N, C-alpha and C. Protein backbone atom coordinates (compact mmCIF):
# COMPACT_ATOMS: atom_id res chain seq x y z
N UNK A 1 112.55 128.06 66.76
CA UNK A 1 111.91 126.95 67.44
C UNK A 1 111.45 125.90 66.43
N UNK A 2 110.99 126.36 65.30
CA UNK A 2 110.50 125.44 64.27
C UNK A 2 111.62 124.55 63.75
N UNK A 3 112.80 125.11 63.59
CA UNK A 3 113.93 124.32 63.07
C UNK A 3 114.40 123.29 64.09
N UNK A 4 114.31 123.61 65.37
CA UNK A 4 114.70 122.66 66.42
C UNK A 4 113.78 121.44 66.40
N UNK A 5 112.50 121.67 66.26
CA UNK A 5 111.53 120.57 66.20
C UNK A 5 111.75 119.74 64.94
N UNK A 6 112.01 120.42 63.83
CA UNK A 6 112.26 119.73 62.57
C UNK A 6 113.50 118.84 62.67
N UNK A 7 114.57 119.36 63.24
CA UNK A 7 115.79 118.58 63.40
C UNK A 7 115.58 117.42 64.38
N UNK A 8 114.78 117.64 65.40
CA UNK A 8 114.47 116.57 66.35
C UNK A 8 113.69 115.44 65.70
N UNK A 9 112.74 115.79 64.84
CA UNK A 9 111.97 114.78 64.12
C UNK A 9 112.84 114.01 63.14
N UNK A 10 113.75 114.70 62.45
CA UNK A 10 114.69 114.02 61.55
C UNK A 10 115.58 113.05 62.33
N UNK A 11 116.04 113.48 63.48
CA UNK A 11 116.88 112.64 64.32
C UNK A 11 116.11 111.40 64.79
N UNK A 12 114.86 111.59 65.19
CA UNK A 12 114.03 110.46 65.61
C UNK A 12 113.80 109.50 64.45
N UNK A 13 113.60 110.02 63.27
CA UNK A 13 113.42 109.19 62.09
C UNK A 13 114.68 108.39 61.78
N UNK A 14 115.82 109.03 61.89
CA UNK A 14 117.10 108.36 61.66
C UNK A 14 117.34 107.25 62.67
N UNK A 15 117.10 107.53 63.93
CA UNK A 15 117.29 106.52 64.98
C UNK A 15 116.31 105.37 64.80
N UNK A 16 115.09 105.66 64.44
CA UNK A 16 114.10 104.61 64.18
C UNK A 16 114.50 103.73 63.01
N UNK A 17 115.02 104.33 61.96
CA UNK A 17 115.48 103.57 60.80
C UNK A 17 116.66 102.67 61.14
N UNK A 18 117.61 103.22 61.90
CA UNK A 18 118.76 102.41 62.32
C UNK A 18 118.31 101.25 63.22
N UNK A 19 117.33 101.49 64.06
CA UNK A 19 116.81 100.43 64.93
C UNK A 19 116.18 99.32 64.10
N UNK A 20 115.42 99.69 63.07
CA UNK A 20 114.80 98.68 62.21
C UNK A 20 115.86 97.87 61.46
N UNK A 21 116.91 98.52 61.03
CA UNK A 21 118.00 97.81 60.35
C UNK A 21 118.65 96.82 61.31
N UNK A 22 118.88 97.25 62.54
CA UNK A 22 119.47 96.37 63.55
C UNK A 22 118.58 95.20 63.88
N UNK A 23 117.29 95.44 63.98
CA UNK A 23 116.34 94.36 64.29
C UNK A 23 116.31 93.35 63.16
N UNK A 24 116.30 93.82 61.92
CA UNK A 24 116.25 92.89 60.79
C UNK A 24 117.54 92.09 60.68
N UNK A 25 118.67 92.70 61.00
CA UNK A 25 119.95 91.99 60.96
C UNK A 25 119.99 90.93 62.06
N UNK A 26 119.48 91.25 63.22
CA UNK A 26 119.48 90.28 64.33
C UNK A 26 118.51 89.14 64.04
N UNK A 27 117.42 89.44 63.36
CA UNK A 27 116.44 88.41 63.03
C UNK A 27 116.99 87.47 61.97
N UNK A 28 117.85 87.96 61.10
CA UNK A 28 118.39 87.15 60.02
C UNK A 28 119.59 86.31 60.47
N UNK A 29 120.08 86.54 61.67
CA UNK A 29 121.24 85.80 62.16
C UNK A 29 120.87 84.34 62.39
N UNK A 30 121.88 83.47 62.36
CA UNK A 30 121.63 82.05 62.57
C UNK A 30 121.18 81.81 64.01
N UNK A 31 120.39 80.77 64.17
CA UNK A 31 119.91 80.41 65.50
C UNK A 31 121.08 79.88 66.33
N UNK A 32 121.11 80.20 67.61
CA UNK A 32 122.21 79.72 68.45
C UNK A 32 122.11 78.22 68.69
N UNK A 33 123.23 77.62 68.99
CA UNK A 33 123.27 76.20 69.29
C UNK A 33 122.76 75.99 70.71
N UNK A 34 121.64 75.29 70.86
CA UNK A 34 121.04 75.09 72.18
C UNK A 34 121.11 73.65 72.64
N UNK A 35 122.09 72.90 72.16
CA UNK A 35 122.21 71.52 72.62
C UNK A 35 122.65 71.47 74.06
N UNK A 36 123.38 72.45 74.50
CA UNK A 36 123.81 72.48 75.89
C UNK A 36 124.95 71.53 76.18
N UNK A 37 125.64 71.04 75.15
CA UNK A 37 126.70 70.06 75.36
C UNK A 37 127.86 70.64 76.17
N UNK A 38 128.04 71.95 76.11
CA UNK A 38 129.13 72.54 76.86
C UNK A 38 128.64 73.35 78.05
N UNK A 39 127.41 73.14 78.44
CA UNK A 39 126.84 73.90 79.54
C UNK A 39 127.11 73.28 80.90
N UNK A 40 126.69 73.95 81.93
CA UNK A 40 126.91 73.49 83.30
C UNK A 40 126.14 72.19 83.56
N UNK A 41 124.90 72.14 83.10
CA UNK A 41 124.07 70.97 83.34
C UNK A 41 123.85 70.21 82.04
N UNK A 42 124.81 70.12 81.19
CA UNK A 42 124.78 69.58 79.83
C UNK A 42 123.58 68.70 79.50
N UNK A 43 123.16 68.76 78.26
CA UNK A 43 122.04 67.96 77.77
C UNK A 43 121.14 68.80 76.88
N UNK A 44 120.07 68.20 76.42
CA UNK A 44 119.12 68.93 75.58
C UNK A 44 118.37 69.96 76.40
N UNK A 45 118.08 71.06 75.77
CA UNK A 45 117.38 72.13 76.47
C UNK A 45 115.89 71.81 76.62
N UNK A 46 115.31 71.21 75.58
CA UNK A 46 113.88 70.90 75.62
C UNK A 46 113.67 69.49 75.09
N UNK A 47 112.96 68.69 75.84
CA UNK A 47 112.61 67.34 75.39
C UNK A 47 111.10 67.24 75.48
N UNK A 48 110.46 66.99 74.35
CA UNK A 48 109.01 66.90 74.34
C UNK A 48 108.57 65.67 73.57
N UNK A 49 107.40 65.16 73.92
CA UNK A 49 106.76 64.09 73.17
C UNK A 49 105.57 64.69 72.45
N UNK A 50 105.52 64.47 71.16
CA UNK A 50 104.46 65.05 70.35
C UNK A 50 103.54 63.94 69.89
N UNK A 51 102.25 64.07 70.21
CA UNK A 51 101.26 63.08 69.81
C UNK A 51 100.20 63.80 68.99
N UNK A 52 100.00 63.34 67.76
CA UNK A 52 99.00 63.95 66.90
C UNK A 52 97.74 63.10 66.92
N UNK A 53 96.62 63.73 67.15
CA UNK A 53 95.35 63.03 67.17
C UNK A 53 94.43 63.63 66.11
N UNK A 54 93.57 62.80 65.60
CA UNK A 54 92.58 63.28 64.65
C UNK A 54 91.39 63.83 65.41
N UNK A 55 90.86 64.95 64.98
CA UNK A 55 89.71 65.55 65.64
C UNK A 55 88.39 64.98 65.11
N UNK A 56 88.45 64.28 63.99
CA UNK A 56 87.21 63.71 63.43
C UNK A 56 86.99 62.33 64.04
N UNK A 57 85.73 61.91 64.20
CA UNK A 57 85.44 60.60 64.78
C UNK A 57 85.90 59.47 63.84
N UNK A 58 86.21 58.32 64.41
CA UNK A 58 86.68 57.18 63.64
C UNK A 58 85.58 56.68 62.68
N UNK A 59 84.34 56.63 63.15
CA UNK A 59 83.23 56.21 62.30
C UNK A 59 82.23 57.36 62.25
N UNK A 60 81.76 57.70 61.08
CA UNK A 60 80.81 58.81 60.99
C UNK A 60 79.45 58.43 61.59
N UNK A 61 78.86 59.35 62.32
CA UNK A 61 77.54 59.10 62.90
C UNK A 61 76.47 59.48 61.87
N UNK A 62 75.40 58.72 61.88
CA UNK A 62 74.31 58.99 60.91
C UNK A 62 73.06 59.45 61.59
């Protein structure tokens, strides 16, 4: 019984290691092209307007 548990733990460790390798390889892959130029509803996937504001007041209060 002890050897069965030991082999099961080794197998789980092996599968976990292979999963981590797969995750790191997928994370290192290039980002997909999301322009949508060849899609059904062609166009940009996300269009946003970005406005940066200062959080400090224009004139300091005394």
